[in-house]
């Protein structure tokens, strides 16, 4: 009788152990299947694809914002001119010598840009800038102007005529073909860098020859 009880107890323990082992094995298989499915889903369903966006986004609002920059200086030239005049008198001559200082600023005014000055052609962006101009026509610093030599009596009109002569001389000295070319080269370089900083790659910058 006692042997039967022992055998029954042993079978019961074995059955319980077998059930646990089967449960653990089933759990392992289920976890393995879940992990396999999850890895497959990550590889196929959420894969990250990186591609180059070759589309150039050039909106009217962007062009308008660039135009609002207005004047853009590309070359600054300091100059000074000594101008004199003589007035012949019956007994004596009057003489006036004045020194004028000025800074001529060469650049473009984007407000003067032609329609379609900034456009897309294929995968490139093309900019046609307005011509190089004198940005400030009142470039003589009258506060620094002084008389180098003055003899006799001179009117305001006399001084105005001397000012105009100095202005023409400065304008001729500063607005040379070589200075304009330097300003154009600077414009191409700086505007190319400006567009490249906005993310554009293929860029061509031209300077218009049409003057208003």
N, C-alpha and C. Protein backbone atom coordinates (compact mmCIF):
# COMPACT_ATOMS: atom_id res chain seq x y z
N UNK A 1 0.84 -1.21 0.00
CA UNK A 1 0.00 0.00 0.00
C UNK A 1 0.87 1.26 0.00
N UNK A 2 1.89 1.21 0.81
CA UNK A 2 2.80 2.34 0.91
C UNK A 2 3.56 2.54 -0.39
N UNK A 3 3.90 1.44 -1.09
CA UNK A 3 4.60 1.54 -2.37
C UNK A 3 3.70 2.19 -3.43
N UNK A 4 2.44 1.92 -3.40
CA UNK A 4 1.50 2.52 -4.36
C UNK A 4 1.40 4.02 -4.16
N UNK A 5 1.40 4.44 -2.89
CA UNK A 5 1.33 5.87 -2.61
C UNK A 5 2.57 6.58 -3.14
N UNK A 6 3.74 5.90 -2.92
CA UNK A 6 4.99 6.52 -3.39
C UNK A 6 4.99 6.64 -4.92
N UNK A 7 4.51 5.58 -5.59
CA UNK A 7 4.48 5.62 -7.06
C UNK A 7 3.52 6.68 -7.56
N UNK A 8 2.41 6.81 -6.89
CA UNK A 8 1.42 7.82 -7.29
C UNK A 8 1.96 9.23 -7.09
N UNK A 9 2.68 9.43 -5.98
CA UNK A 9 3.27 10.73 -5.71
C UNK A 9 4.34 11.08 -6.74
N UNK A 10 5.13 10.06 -7.11
CA UNK A 10 6.19 10.28 -8.09
C UNK A 10 5.62 10.62 -9.45
N UNK A 11 4.56 9.94 -9.86
CA UNK A 11 3.92 10.23 -11.15
C UNK A 11 3.34 11.64 -11.17
N UNK A 12 2.82 12.03 -10.03
CA UNK A 12 2.22 13.37 -9.94
C UNK A 12 3.28 14.45 -10.10
N UNK A 13 4.42 14.26 -9.45
CA UNK A 13 5.52 15.23 -9.55
C UNK A 13 6.05 15.26 -10.98
N UNK A 14 6.18 14.07 -11.58
CA UNK A 14 6.69 13.99 -12.95
C UNK A 14 5.75 14.69 -13.93
N UNK A 15 4.45 14.46 -13.72
CA UNK A 15 3.47 15.11 -14.60
C UNK A 15 3.54 16.65 -14.48
N UNK A 16 3.73 17.12 -13.24
CA UNK A 16 3.82 18.55 -13.05
C UNK A 16 5.07 19.12 -13.70
N UNK A 17 6.19 18.41 -13.54
CA UNK A 17 7.42 18.86 -14.16
C UNK A 17 7.31 18.86 -15.68
N UNK A 18 6.69 17.81 -16.22
CA UNK A 18 6.51 17.71 -17.67
C UNK A 18 5.65 18.87 -18.19
N UNK A 19 4.61 19.18 -17.47
CA UNK A 19 3.73 20.28 -17.86
C UNK A 19 4.47 21.62 -17.85
N UNK A 20 5.31 21.83 -16.84
CA UNK A 20 6.08 23.08 -16.77
C UNK A 20 7.07 23.18 -17.92
N UNK A 21 7.72 22.01 -18.19
CA UNK A 21 8.71 22.01 -19.27
C UNK A 21 8.03 22.33 -20.61
N UNK A 22 6.87 21.71 -20.83
CA UNK A 22 6.13 21.95 -22.08
C UNK A 22 5.71 23.42 -22.17
N UNK A 23 5.26 23.97 -21.05
CA UNK A 23 4.83 25.37 -21.03
C UNK A 23 6.00 26.30 -21.36
N UNK A 24 7.15 25.99 -20.73
CA UNK A 24 8.33 26.82 -20.98
C UNK A 24 8.76 26.73 -22.43
N UNK A 25 8.73 25.50 -23.01
CA UNK A 25 9.11 25.32 -24.40
C UNK A 25 8.16 26.08 -25.34
N UNK A 26 6.87 25.99 -25.04
CA UNK A 26 5.88 26.70 -25.87
C UNK A 26 6.10 28.21 -25.77
N UNK A 27 6.40 28.68 -24.55
CA UNK A 27 6.65 30.10 -24.35
C UNK A 27 7.87 30.57 -25.13
N UNK A 28 8.92 29.74 -25.11
CA UNK A 28 10.13 30.07 -25.85
C UNK A 28 9.85 30.15 -27.34
N UNK A 29 9.08 29.17 -27.86
CA UNK A 29 8.75 29.15 -29.28
C UNK A 29 7.94 30.39 -29.67
N UNK A 30 6.98 30.75 -28.80
CA UNK A 30 6.14 31.92 -29.08
C UNK A 30 6.98 33.19 -29.09
N UNK A 31 7.87 33.32 -28.09
CA UNK A 31 8.75 34.50 -28.03
C UNK A 31 9.66 34.57 -29.25
N UNK A 32 10.16 33.40 -29.67
CA UNK A 32 11.04 33.36 -30.84
C UNK A 32 10.30 33.83 -32.09
N UNK A 33 9.05 33.37 -32.23
CA UNK A 33 8.24 33.78 -33.38
C UNK A 33 7.96 35.27 -33.34
N UNK A 34 7.65 35.79 -32.14
CA UNK A 34 7.35 37.22 -32.02
C UNK A 34 8.59 38.07 -32.35
N UNK A 35 9.75 37.63 -31.85
CA UNK A 35 10.98 38.38 -32.11
C UNK A 35 11.32 38.35 -33.59
N UNK A 36 11.15 37.19 -34.21
CA UNK A 36 11.43 37.05 -35.65
C UNK A 36 10.53 37.97 -36.47
N UNK A 37 9.25 38.01 -36.14
CA UNK A 37 8.30 38.87 -36.85
C UNK A 37 8.63 40.34 -36.64
N UNK A 38 9.03 40.68 -35.42
CA UNK A 38 9.35 42.08 -35.13
C UNK A 38 10.57 42.54 -35.91
N UNK A 39 11.60 41.69 -35.96
CA UNK A 39 12.80 42.04 -36.72
C UNK A 39 12.49 42.20 -38.20
N UNK A 40 11.66 41.29 -38.72
CA UNK A 40 11.28 41.36 -40.13
C UNK A 40 10.49 42.62 -40.42
N UNK A 41 9.61 43.00 -39.52
CA UNK A 41 8.79 44.21 -39.70
C UNK A 41 9.67 45.46 -39.69
N UNK A 42 10.67 45.49 -38.77
CA UNK A 42 11.57 46.64 -38.70
C UNK A 42 12.36 46.78 -39.99
N UNK A 43 12.83 45.67 -40.54
CA UNK A 43 13.64 45.70 -41.75
C UNK A 43 12.84 46.10 -42.98
N UNK A 44 11.59 45.69 -43.03
CA UNK A 44 10.79 45.93 -44.24
C UNK A 44 9.82 47.08 -44.10
N UNK A 45 9.21 47.22 -42.94
CA UNK A 45 8.15 48.21 -42.78
C UNK A 45 8.63 49.57 -42.40
N UNK A 46 9.74 49.69 -41.69
CA UNK A 46 10.20 50.99 -41.22
C UNK A 46 11.61 51.29 -41.70
N UNK A 47 11.96 50.80 -42.83
CA UNK A 47 13.30 51.05 -43.35
C UNK A 47 13.44 52.52 -43.73
N UNK A 48 14.60 53.12 -43.46
CA UNK A 48 14.87 54.51 -43.76
C UNK A 48 15.57 54.61 -45.10
N UNK A 49 14.96 55.31 -46.03
CA UNK A 49 15.53 55.46 -47.34
C UNK A 49 15.96 56.92 -47.54
N UNK A 50 17.21 57.11 -47.87
CA UNK A 50 17.77 58.44 -48.05
C UNK A 50 18.00 58.67 -49.53
N UNK A 51 17.43 59.75 -50.04
CA UNK A 51 17.62 60.09 -51.45
C UNK A 51 17.88 61.57 -51.61
N UNK A 52 18.49 61.95 -52.66
CA UNK A 52 18.81 63.34 -52.93
C UNK A 52 17.62 64.04 -53.58
N UNK A 53 17.21 65.16 -52.97
CA UNK A 53 16.12 65.94 -53.52
C UNK A 53 16.69 66.96 -54.51
N UNK A 54 16.48 66.69 -55.77
CA UNK A 54 17.04 67.54 -56.81
C UNK A 54 16.10 68.68 -57.23
N UNK A 55 14.94 68.76 -56.60
CA UNK A 55 13.99 69.82 -56.94
C UNK A 55 14.44 71.14 -56.30
N UNK A 56 14.44 72.22 -57.07
CA UNK A 56 14.83 73.53 -56.57
C UNK A 56 13.57 74.31 -56.22
N UNK A 57 13.45 74.67 -54.96
CA UNK A 57 12.27 75.40 -54.49
C UNK A 57 12.55 76.89 -54.58
N UNK A 58 11.94 77.55 -55.55
CA UNK A 58 12.15 78.99 -55.78
C UNK A 58 10.78 79.64 -55.89
N UNK A 59 10.29 80.15 -54.77
CA UNK A 59 8.95 80.71 -54.72
C UNK A 59 8.99 82.23 -54.94
N UNK A 60 7.86 82.81 -55.39
CA UNK A 60 7.80 84.27 -55.53
C UNK A 60 8.09 85.00 -54.23
N UNK A 61 7.68 84.41 -53.11
CA UNK A 61 7.93 85.05 -51.82
C UNK A 61 9.43 85.10 -51.52
N UNK A 62 10.14 84.02 -51.86
CA UNK A 62 11.59 83.99 -51.65
C UNK A 62 12.29 85.04 -52.51
N UNK A 63 11.89 85.14 -53.77
CA UNK A 63 12.48 86.13 -54.67
C UNK A 63 12.22 87.54 -54.14
N UNK A 64 11.00 87.78 -53.65
CA UNK A 64 10.65 89.09 -53.10
C UNK A 64 11.51 89.43 -51.90
N UNK A 65 11.75 88.45 -51.05
CA UNK A 65 12.58 88.69 -49.86
C UNK A 65 14.01 89.05 -50.25
N UNK A 66 14.53 88.41 -51.29
CA UNK A 66 15.88 88.72 -51.74
C UNK A 66 15.93 90.13 -52.33
N UNK A 67 14.90 90.49 -53.10
CA UNK A 67 14.85 91.83 -53.69
C UNK A 67 14.82 92.91 -52.62
N UNK A 68 14.24 92.59 -51.46
CA UNK A 68 14.13 93.57 -50.38
C UNK A 68 15.49 93.94 -49.79
N UNK A 69 16.52 93.17 -50.14
CA UNK A 69 17.87 93.55 -49.71
C UNK A 69 18.21 94.93 -50.22
N UNK A 70 17.71 95.24 -51.45
CA UNK A 70 17.93 96.57 -52.02
C UNK A 70 19.36 96.76 -52.49
N UNK A 71 20.01 97.79 -51.98
CA UNK A 71 21.37 98.10 -52.42
C UNK A 71 22.38 97.14 -51.81
N UNK A 72 23.32 96.73 -52.66
CA UNK A 72 24.36 95.78 -52.24
C UNK A 72 25.69 96.33 -52.75
N UNK A 73 26.56 96.72 -51.83
CA UNK A 73 27.84 97.33 -52.20
C UNK A 73 28.89 96.26 -52.48
N UNK A 74 29.66 96.45 -53.57
CA UNK A 74 30.70 95.49 -53.94
C UNK A 74 32.08 96.13 -54.08
N UNK A 75 32.15 97.45 -54.07
CA UNK A 75 33.45 98.11 -54.15
C UNK A 75 33.33 99.52 -53.58
N UNK A 76 34.30 99.90 -52.76
CA UNK A 76 34.32 101.23 -52.15
C UNK A 76 35.64 101.90 -52.52
N UNK A 77 35.56 103.12 -53.03
CA UNK A 77 36.75 103.84 -53.49
C UNK A 77 36.82 105.20 -52.78
N UNK A 78 37.90 105.42 -52.07
CA UNK A 78 38.13 106.71 -51.42
C UNK A 78 38.95 107.60 -52.35
N UNK A 79 38.59 108.88 -52.40
CA UNK A 79 39.29 109.78 -53.32
C UNK A 79 39.34 111.17 -52.71
N UNK A 80 40.32 111.93 -53.13
CA UNK A 80 40.40 113.34 -52.75
C UNK A 80 40.86 114.14 -53.97
N UNK A 81 40.29 115.31 -54.10
CA UNK A 81 40.60 116.16 -55.25
C UNK A 81 40.91 117.56 -54.78
N UNK A 82 41.95 118.12 -55.36
CA UNK A 82 42.31 119.51 -55.11
C UNK A 82 41.93 120.31 -56.36
N UNK A 83 41.03 121.29 -56.16
CA UNK A 83 40.50 122.07 -57.28
C UNK A 83 40.74 123.56 -56.98
N UNK A 84 41.15 124.26 -58.02
CA UNK A 84 41.43 125.68 -57.82
C UNK A 84 40.78 126.53 -58.91
N UNK A 85 40.62 127.78 -58.62
CA UNK A 85 40.09 128.73 -59.59
C UNK A 85 40.72 130.10 -59.33
N UNK A 86 40.85 130.88 -60.39
CA UNK A 86 41.46 132.21 -60.30
C UNK A 86 40.53 133.23 -60.96
N UNK A 87 40.37 134.35 -60.31
CA UNK A 87 39.58 135.45 -60.85
C UNK A 87 40.52 136.64 -61.07
N UNK A 88 40.63 137.04 -62.35
CA UNK A 88 41.54 138.14 -62.67
C UNK A 88 40.89 139.49 -62.32
N UNK A 89 41.62 140.27 -61.59
CA UNK A 89 41.14 141.60 -61.21
C UNK A 89 41.97 142.71 -61.84
N UNK A 90 41.48 143.93 -61.69
CA UNK A 90 42.18 145.07 -62.29
C UNK A 90 43.51 145.34 -61.56
N UNK A 91 43.44 145.27 -60.25
CA UNK A 91 44.64 145.53 -59.47
C UNK A 91 45.31 144.24 -58.98
N UNK A 92 44.49 143.26 -58.67
CA UNK A 92 45.04 142.01 -58.13
C UNK A 92 44.13 140.84 -58.51
N UNK A 93 44.67 139.67 -58.46
CA UNK A 93 43.90 138.45 -58.76
C UNK A 93 43.41 137.80 -57.48
N UNK A 94 42.23 137.20 -57.59
CA UNK A 94 41.69 136.41 -56.48
C UNK A 94 41.90 134.93 -56.80
N UNK A 95 42.22 134.15 -55.76
CA UNK A 95 42.49 132.73 -55.97
C UNK A 95 41.82 131.90 -54.86
N UNK A 96 41.25 130.78 -55.28
CA UNK A 96 40.61 129.88 -54.32
C UNK A 96 41.01 128.44 -54.64
N UNK A 97 41.56 127.79 -53.64
CA UNK A 97 41.96 126.38 -53.78
C UNK A 97 41.28 125.60 -52.66
N UNK A 98 40.53 124.56 -53.05
CA UNK A 98 39.81 123.76 -52.05
C UNK A 98 40.12 122.28 -52.23
N UNK A 99 40.06 121.54 -51.12
CA UNK A 99 40.28 120.09 -51.14
C UNK A 99 38.96 119.40 -50.80
N UNK A 100 38.60 118.46 -51.65
CA UNK A 100 37.35 117.70 -51.49
C UNK A 100 37.67 116.23 -51.23
N UNK A 101 36.95 115.65 -50.29
CA UNK A 101 37.10 114.22 -49.97
C UNK A 101 35.78 113.52 -50.26
N UNK A 102 35.89 112.29 -50.73
CA UNK A 102 34.68 111.54 -51.02
C UNK A 102 34.93 110.04 -51.03
N UNK A 103 33.85 109.27 -50.90
CA UNK A 103 33.89 107.81 -50.96
C UNK A 103 32.82 107.36 -51.93
N UNK A 104 33.25 106.78 -53.04
CA UNK A 104 32.31 106.28 -54.04
C UNK A 104 32.01 104.81 -53.75
N UNK A 105 30.74 104.47 -53.69
CA UNK A 105 30.31 103.10 -53.41
C UNK A 105 29.68 102.51 -54.66
N UNK A 106 30.31 101.48 -55.20
CA UNK A 106 29.81 100.82 -56.41
C UNK A 106 29.11 99.52 -56.03
N UNK A 107 27.95 99.30 -56.64
CA UNK A 107 27.21 98.08 -56.33
C UNK A 107 25.97 97.96 -57.19
N UNK A 108 25.01 97.19 -56.71
CA UNK A 108 23.75 96.98 -57.43
C UNK A 108 22.58 97.37 -56.55
N UNK A 109 21.47 97.65 -57.19
CA UNK A 109 20.21 97.90 -56.48
C UNK A 109 19.22 96.85 -56.94
N UNK A 110 18.92 95.89 -56.08
CA UNK A 110 18.03 94.79 -56.46
C UNK A 110 16.61 95.26 -56.73
N UNK A 111 16.28 96.46 -56.30
CA UNK A 111 14.96 97.01 -56.65
C UNK A 111 14.86 97.32 -58.14
N UNK A 112 16.02 97.40 -58.81
CA UNK A 112 16.05 97.68 -60.24
C UNK A 112 16.19 96.40 -61.08
N UNK A 113 16.05 95.26 -60.45
CA UNK A 113 16.19 93.99 -61.17
C UNK A 113 15.06 93.80 -62.19
N UNK A 114 15.40 93.19 -63.31
CA UNK A 114 14.42 92.92 -64.36
C UNK A 114 13.51 91.75 -63.94
N UNK A 115 12.32 91.64 -64.55
CA UNK A 115 11.47 90.46 -64.28
C UNK A 115 12.21 89.18 -64.64
N UNK A 116 11.96 88.14 -63.89
CA UNK A 116 12.62 86.84 -64.08
C UNK A 116 14.13 86.91 -63.91
N UNK A 117 14.59 87.84 -63.10
CA UNK A 117 16.03 87.96 -62.89
C UNK A 117 16.59 86.77 -62.12
N UNK A 118 15.75 86.10 -61.37
CA UNK A 118 16.15 84.90 -60.62
C UNK A 118 15.23 83.76 -61.04
N UNK A 119 15.78 82.74 -61.68
CA UNK A 119 14.94 81.69 -62.25
C UNK A 119 15.67 80.35 -62.20
N UNK A 120 14.89 79.30 -62.49
CA UNK A 120 15.42 77.94 -62.52
C UNK A 120 15.46 77.44 -63.96
N UNK A 121 16.59 76.87 -64.33
CA UNK A 121 16.73 76.25 -65.64
C UNK A 121 17.31 74.85 -65.42
N UNK A 122 16.47 73.84 -65.61
CA UNK A 122 16.90 72.47 -65.34
C UNK A 122 17.19 72.28 -63.86
N UNK A 123 18.40 71.86 -63.54
CA UNK A 123 18.79 71.69 -62.15
C UNK A 123 19.68 72.83 -61.66
N UNK A 124 19.67 73.94 -62.39
CA UNK A 124 20.50 75.09 -62.03
C UNK A 124 19.63 76.30 -61.71
N UNK A 125 20.20 77.19 -60.89
CA UNK A 125 19.53 78.46 -60.59
C UNK A 125 20.35 79.58 -61.24
N UNK A 126 19.67 80.43 -61.99
CA UNK A 126 20.31 81.50 -62.75
C UNK A 126 19.91 82.85 -62.16
N UNK A 127 20.91 83.68 -61.87
CA UNK A 127 20.65 85.03 -61.37
C UNK A 127 21.24 86.04 -62.34
N UNK A 128 20.42 86.99 -62.78
CA UNK A 128 20.89 88.08 -63.65
C UNK A 128 20.76 89.37 -62.85
N UNK A 129 21.87 89.84 -62.33
CA UNK A 129 21.85 91.01 -61.45
C UNK A 129 21.78 92.30 -62.25
N UNK A 130 21.24 93.36 -61.64
CA UNK A 130 21.23 94.67 -62.30
C UNK A 130 22.66 95.15 -62.53
N UNK A 131 22.86 96.12 -63.42
CA UNK A 131 24.21 96.61 -63.69
C UNK A 131 24.81 97.33 -62.49
N UNK A 132 26.13 97.40 -62.47
CA UNK A 132 26.84 98.13 -61.41
C UNK A 132 26.59 99.63 -61.56
N UNK A 133 26.23 100.26 -60.46
CA UNK A 133 25.93 101.69 -60.48
C UNK A 133 26.61 102.35 -59.28
N UNK A 134 26.60 103.69 -59.30
CA UNK A 134 27.05 104.46 -58.15
C UNK A 134 25.88 104.53 -57.17
N UNK A 135 26.04 103.89 -56.00
CA UNK A 135 24.91 103.75 -55.08
C UNK A 135 24.51 105.07 -54.43
N UNK A 136 25.46 105.93 -54.15
CA UNK A 136 25.16 107.22 -53.52
C UNK A 136 25.80 108.32 -54.36
N UNK A 137 24.97 109.11 -55.01
CA UNK A 137 25.49 110.16 -55.89
C UNK A 137 26.02 111.36 -55.10
N UNK A 138 25.64 111.48 -53.87
CA UNK A 138 26.19 112.55 -53.01
C UNK A 138 27.37 112.00 -52.22
N UNK A 139 28.40 111.62 -52.94
CA UNK A 139 29.51 110.92 -52.29
C UNK A 139 30.59 111.84 -51.75
N UNK A 140 30.52 113.12 -52.04
CA UNK A 140 31.50 114.07 -51.50
C UNK A 140 31.14 114.41 -50.06
N UNK A 141 32.11 114.28 -49.18
CA UNK A 141 31.91 114.61 -47.77
C UNK A 141 32.15 116.11 -47.58
N UNK A 142 31.08 116.87 -47.62
CA UNK A 142 31.21 118.33 -47.53
C UNK A 142 31.69 118.78 -46.16
N UNK A 143 31.48 117.95 -45.14
CA UNK A 143 31.94 118.32 -43.80
C UNK A 143 33.47 118.35 -43.73
N UNK A 144 34.11 117.55 -44.59
CA UNK A 144 35.58 117.51 -44.60
C UNK A 144 36.18 118.47 -45.62
N UNK A 145 35.34 119.03 -46.47
CA UNK A 145 35.85 119.95 -47.49
C UNK A 145 36.40 121.21 -46.82
N UNK A 146 37.55 121.64 -47.27
CA UNK A 146 38.14 122.84 -46.66
C UNK A 146 38.93 123.62 -47.71
N UNK A 147 39.11 124.86 -47.43
CA UNK A 147 39.89 125.72 -48.32
C UNK A 147 41.37 125.54 -48.03
N UNK A 148 42.11 125.19 -49.06
CA UNK A 148 43.56 125.04 -48.92
C UNK A 148 44.25 126.42 -49.02
N UNK A 149 43.67 127.24 -49.89
CA UNK A 149 44.19 128.61 -50.05
C UNK A 149 43.05 129.48 -50.54
N UNK A 150 42.93 130.62 -49.93
CA UNK A 150 41.84 131.53 -50.33
C UNK A 150 42.34 132.97 -50.28
N UNK A 151 42.19 133.65 -51.43
CA UNK A 151 42.61 135.05 -51.54
C UNK A 151 41.54 135.82 -52.29
N UNK A 152 41.11 136.89 -51.75
CA UNK A 152 40.06 137.68 -52.38
C UNK A 152 38.68 137.29 -51.86
N UNK A 153 37.68 137.80 -52.54
CA UNK A 153 36.30 137.55 -52.14
C UNK A 153 35.65 136.54 -53.10
N UNK A 154 34.93 135.56 -52.49
CA UNK A 154 34.29 134.51 -53.27
C UNK A 154 32.86 134.32 -52.79
N UNK A 155 31.96 134.11 -53.73
CA UNK A 155 30.54 133.94 -53.41
C UNK A 155 30.22 132.45 -53.26
N UNK A 156 29.01 132.18 -52.76
CA UNK A 156 28.54 130.79 -52.65
C UNK A 156 28.43 130.13 -54.02
N UNK A 157 28.06 130.93 -55.02
CA UNK A 157 27.96 130.39 -56.37
C UNK A 157 29.34 129.97 -56.90
N UNK A 158 30.36 130.75 -56.55
CA UNK A 158 31.73 130.39 -56.94
C UNK A 158 32.13 129.05 -56.31
N UNK A 159 31.82 128.88 -55.05
CA UNK A 159 32.14 127.64 -54.36
C UNK A 159 31.34 126.46 -54.92
N UNK A 160 30.11 126.71 -55.32
CA UNK A 160 29.27 125.67 -55.92
C UNK A 160 29.87 125.20 -57.25
N UNK A 161 30.38 126.13 -58.05
CA UNK A 161 31.01 125.76 -59.32
C UNK A 161 32.27 124.93 -59.09
N UNK A 162 33.00 125.27 -58.02
CA UNK A 162 34.20 124.51 -57.68
C UNK A 162 33.82 123.09 -57.23
N UNK A 163 32.73 123.00 -56.48
CA UNK A 163 32.22 121.70 -56.02
C UNK A 163 31.86 120.81 -57.22
N UNK A 164 31.19 121.39 -58.20
CA UNK A 164 30.78 120.61 -59.36
C UNK A 164 32.00 120.11 -60.16
N UNK A 165 33.03 120.92 -60.22
CA UNK A 165 34.24 120.47 -60.91
C UNK A 165 34.89 119.30 -60.18
N UNK A 166 34.93 119.42 -58.86
CA UNK A 166 35.50 118.32 -58.05
C UNK A 166 34.66 117.06 -58.20
N UNK A 167 33.36 117.22 -58.27
CA UNK A 167 32.45 116.07 -58.40
C UNK A 167 32.72 115.34 -59.72
N UNK A 168 32.82 116.08 -60.79
CA UNK A 168 33.06 115.46 -62.11
C UNK A 168 34.40 114.73 -62.15
N UNK A 169 35.41 115.34 -61.52
CA UNK A 169 36.73 114.72 -61.51
C UNK A 169 36.72 113.41 -60.70
N UNK A 170 36.04 113.43 -59.55
CA UNK A 170 35.94 112.22 -58.73
C UNK A 170 35.17 111.13 -59.45
N UNK A 171 34.06 111.53 -60.08
CA UNK A 171 33.23 110.56 -60.79
C UNK A 171 34.02 109.88 -61.90
N UNK A 172 34.79 110.67 -62.64
CA UNK A 172 35.60 110.12 -63.73
C UNK A 172 36.70 109.20 -63.20
N UNK A 173 37.26 109.55 -62.06
CA UNK A 173 38.34 108.75 -61.49
C UNK A 173 37.83 107.42 -60.92
N UNK A 174 36.62 107.45 -60.37
CA UNK A 174 36.09 106.25 -59.69
C UNK A 174 35.33 105.31 -60.61
N UNK A 175 34.51 105.86 -61.50
CA UNK A 175 33.68 105.02 -62.37
C UNK A 175 34.43 104.64 -63.64
N UNK A 176 35.56 103.97 -63.45
CA UNK A 176 36.36 103.51 -64.58
C UNK A 176 35.92 102.10 -64.99
N UNK A 177 36.31 101.70 -66.20
CA UNK A 177 36.00 100.36 -66.69
C UNK A 177 36.59 99.30 -65.77
N UNK A 178 37.80 99.55 -65.31
CA UNK A 178 38.47 98.57 -64.44
C UNK A 178 37.76 98.45 -63.09
N UNK A 179 37.37 99.57 -62.50
CA UNK A 179 36.67 99.51 -61.21
C UNK A 179 35.31 98.83 -61.34
N UNK A 180 34.62 99.10 -62.43
CA UNK A 180 33.32 98.45 -62.65
C UNK A 180 33.50 96.94 -62.79
N UNK A 181 34.56 96.52 -63.50
CA UNK A 181 34.82 95.09 -63.66
C UNK A 181 35.13 94.43 -62.31
N UNK A 182 35.91 95.13 -61.48
CA UNK A 182 36.21 94.59 -60.14
C UNK A 182 34.92 94.41 -59.34
N UNK A 183 34.04 95.41 -59.40
CA UNK A 183 32.76 95.34 -58.70
C UNK A 183 31.91 94.19 -59.23
N UNK A 184 31.92 93.98 -60.55
CA UNK A 184 31.15 92.88 -61.14
C UNK A 184 31.68 91.52 -60.68
N UNK A 185 32.99 91.38 -60.65
CA UNK A 185 33.59 90.12 -60.18
C UNK A 185 33.23 89.86 -58.72
N UNK A 186 33.28 90.91 -57.90
CA UNK A 186 32.89 90.76 -56.49
C UNK A 186 31.42 90.39 -56.37
N UNK A 187 30.58 90.97 -57.24
CA UNK A 187 29.15 90.69 -57.20
C UNK A 187 28.88 89.22 -57.51
N UNK A 188 29.54 88.71 -58.55
CA UNK A 188 29.35 87.29 -58.91
C UNK A 188 29.78 86.37 -57.77
N UNK A 189 30.93 86.68 -57.19
CA UNK A 189 31.45 85.83 -56.12
C UNK A 189 30.55 85.86 -54.88
N UNK A 190 30.18 87.06 -54.44
CA UNK A 190 29.40 87.18 -53.22
C UNK A 190 27.98 86.65 -53.39
N UNK A 191 27.37 86.89 -54.56
CA UNK A 191 26.00 86.42 -54.76
C UNK A 191 25.97 84.90 -54.92
N UNK A 192 27.02 84.34 -55.51
CA UNK A 192 27.12 82.88 -55.60
C UNK A 192 27.20 82.28 -54.20
N UNK A 193 28.02 82.86 -53.35
CA UNK A 193 28.13 82.38 -51.97
C UNK A 193 26.81 82.54 -51.23
N UNK A 194 26.11 83.63 -51.51
CA UNK A 194 24.81 83.88 -50.87
C UNK A 194 23.80 82.78 -51.23
N UNK A 195 23.71 82.45 -52.52
CA UNK A 195 22.79 81.40 -52.96
C UNK A 195 23.22 80.02 -52.46
N UNK A 196 24.53 79.80 -52.42
CA UNK A 196 25.02 78.50 -51.93
C UNK A 196 24.69 78.33 -50.46
N UNK A 197 24.73 79.41 -49.69
CA UNK A 197 24.38 79.34 -48.27
C UNK A 197 22.91 78.99 -48.06
N UNK A 198 22.08 79.21 -49.10
CA UNK A 198 20.66 78.88 -49.03
C UNK A 198 20.40 77.44 -49.47
N UNK A 199 21.46 76.72 -49.84
CA UNK A 199 21.31 75.31 -50.17
C UNK A 199 21.37 74.96 -51.65
N UNK A 200 21.52 75.97 -52.50
CA UNK A 200 21.58 75.70 -53.94
C UNK A 200 23.00 75.28 -54.32
N UNK A 201 23.08 74.37 -55.30
CA UNK A 201 24.37 73.80 -55.70
C UNK A 201 24.86 74.35 -57.03
N UNK A 202 24.05 74.20 -58.06
CA UNK A 202 24.46 74.64 -59.39
C UNK A 202 23.95 76.07 -59.60
N UNK A 203 24.89 77.01 -59.67
CA UNK A 203 24.54 78.43 -59.67
C UNK A 203 25.29 79.14 -60.80
N UNK A 204 24.58 80.05 -61.48
CA UNK A 204 25.23 80.92 -62.46
C UNK A 204 24.76 82.35 -62.21
N UNK A 205 25.71 83.25 -62.08
CA UNK A 205 25.38 84.66 -61.82
C UNK A 205 25.89 85.50 -62.97
N UNK A 206 24.98 86.24 -63.61
CA UNK A 206 25.32 87.15 -64.70
C UNK A 206 25.03 88.59 -64.25
N UNK A 207 25.63 89.54 -64.95
CA UNK A 207 25.41 90.96 -64.69
C UNK A 207 24.73 91.57 -65.92
N UNK A 208 23.62 92.21 -65.70
CA UNK A 208 22.90 92.83 -66.82
C UNK A 208 23.67 94.04 -67.34
N UNK A 209 23.52 94.29 -68.65
CA UNK A 209 24.16 95.46 -69.25
C UNK A 209 23.13 96.57 -69.51
N UNK A 210 21.87 96.32 -69.19
CA UNK A 210 20.83 97.30 -69.41
C UNK A 210 20.81 98.31 -68.28
N UNK A 211 21.01 99.56 -68.60
CA UNK A 211 21.01 100.62 -67.62
C UNK A 211 19.76 101.48 -67.75
N UNK A 212 19.14 101.78 -66.62
CA UNK A 212 17.92 102.56 -66.64
C UNK A 212 18.25 104.05 -66.53
